[in-house]
C-alpha atoms as a PDB file:
ATOM      1  CA  MET A   1      -1.269  -3.455 -22.751  1.00  0.00           C
ATOM      2  CA  ALA A   2       1.725  -2.608 -24.939  1.00  0.00           C
ATOM      3  CA  GLU A   3      -0.618  -0.751 -27.321  1.00  0.00           C
ATOM      4  CA  ALA A   4      -1.859   1.499 -24.514  1.00  0.00           C
ATOM      5  CA  GLN A   5       1.719   2.430 -23.647  1.00  0.00           C
ATOM      6  CA  LYS A   6       2.459   3.222 -27.291  1.00  0.00           C
ATOM      7  CA  ARG A   7      -0.506   5.603 -27.455  1.00  0.00           C
ATOM      8  CA  LEU A   8       0.803   7.640 -24.508  1.00  0.00           C
ATOM      9  CA  SER A   9       3.927   9.135 -25.991  1.00  0.00           C
ATOM     10  CA  HIS A  10       6.689  10.675 -23.908  1.00  0.00           C
ATOM     11  CA  THR A  11       5.585  14.208 -24.818  1.00  0.00           C
ATOM     12  CA  THR A  12       2.015  13.775 -23.537  1.00  0.00           C
ATOM     13  CA  LEU A  13       3.285  12.444 -20.226  1.00  0.00           C
ATOM     14  CA  LYS A  14       5.699  15.342 -19.953  1.00  0.00           C
ATOM     15  CA  ARG A  15       3.004  17.878 -20.854  1.00  0.00           C
ATOM     16  CA  ARG A  16       0.642  16.442 -18.225  1.00  0.00           C
ATOM     17  CA  GLN A  17       3.207  16.833 -15.425  1.00  0.00           C
ATOM     18  CA  ARG A  18       4.184  20.406 -16.205  1.00  0.00           C
ATOM     19  CA  PHE A  19       3.302  23.053 -13.576  1.00  0.00           C
ATOM     20  CA  HIS A  20       0.571  25.491 -14.631  1.00  0.00           C
ATOM     21  CA  PRO A  21       0.715  28.662 -12.481  1.00  0.00           C
ATOM     22  CA  LYS A  22      -2.970  29.609 -12.774  1.00  0.00           C
ATOM     23  CA  ARG A  23      -4.431  26.111 -12.420  1.00  0.00           C
ATOM     24  CA  ASP A  24      -2.118  24.244 -10.071  1.00  0.00           C
ATOM     25  CA  VAL A  25      -1.125  24.748  -6.481  1.00  0.00           C
ATOM     26  CA  ARG A  26       2.407  26.075  -6.163  1.00  0.00           C
ATOM     27  CA  PRO A  27       5.024  23.425  -5.308  1.00  0.00           C
ATOM     28  CA  ALA A  28       6.109  25.384  -2.208  1.00  0.00           C
ATOM     29  CA  VAL A  29       2.540  25.305  -0.881  1.00  0.00           C
ATOM     30  CA  LEU A  30       2.365  21.554  -1.512  1.00  0.00           C
ATOM     31  CA  ALA A  31       5.669  21.021   0.310  1.00  0.00           C
ATOM     32  CA  LYS A  32       4.427  23.059   3.276  1.00  0.00           C
ATOM     33  CA  ALA A  33       1.171  21.088   3.380  1.00  0.00           C
ATOM     34  CA  ASN A  34       3.093  17.798   3.216  1.00  0.00           C
ATOM     35  CA  ARG A  35       5.251  18.864   6.170  1.00  0.00           C
ATOM     36  CA  LEU A  36       2.134  19.799   8.131  1.00  0.00           C
ATOM     37  CA  VAL A  37       0.517  16.429   7.426  1.00  0.00           C
ATOM     38  CA  ILE A  38       3.672  14.606   8.541  1.00  0.00           C
ATOM     39  CA  ARG A  39       3.851  16.646  11.756  1.00  0.00           C
ATOM     40  CA  VAL A  40       0.188  16.007  12.585  1.00  0.00           C
ATOM     41  CA  ALA A  41       0.564  12.279  11.883  1.00  0.00           C
ATOM     42  CA  ALA A  42       3.680  12.130  14.088  1.00  0.00           C
ATOM     43  CA  PHE A  43       1.871  13.989  16.874  1.00  0.00           C
ATOM     44  CA  ILE A  44      -1.099  11.608  16.723  1.00  0.00           C
ATOM     45  CA  GLY A  45       1.216   8.576  16.719  1.00  0.00           C
ATOM     46  CA  LEU A  46       3.239   9.848  19.674  1.00  0.00           C
ATOM     47  CA  SER A  47       0.059  10.706  21.571  1.00  0.00           C
ATOM     48  CA  PHE A  48      -1.267   7.195  21.002  1.00  0.00           C
ATOM     49  CA  LEU A  49       1.990   5.647  22.203  1.00  0.00           C
ATOM     50  CA  THR A  50       2.066   7.900  25.273  1.00  0.00           C
ATOM     51  CA  ILE A  51      -1.495   6.970  26.236  1.00  0.00           C
ATOM     52  CA  ALA A  52      -0.789   3.264  25.658  1.00  0.00           C
ATOM     53  CA  ILE A  53       2.356   3.395  27.813  1.00  0.00           C
ATOM     54  CA  LEU A  54       0.584   5.345  30.574  1.00  0.00           C
ATOM     55  CA  GLN A  55      -2.266   2.850  30.640  1.00  0.00           C
ATOM     56  CA  ALA A  56       0.190  -0.054  30.813  1.00  0.00           C
ATOM     57  CA  VAL A  57       2.135   1.554  33.671  1.00  0.00           C
ATOM     58  CA  LEU A  58      -0.815   2.850  35.685  1.00  0.00           C
ATOM     59  CA  GLY A  59      -3.409   0.221  34.924  1.00  0.00           C
END
């Protein structure tokens, strides 16, 4: 396992993470998509809790 880490030098890891404007999605677009996913997940969670509470109170 130590040999595999030696093969991947610091420069190759750095090169792999660099943003490429023509190939990659822009970081701002990713941040906006992440916010949307969090909002949708929160909405679904709150809806589930609301339905569960309503069923407990009414039923």
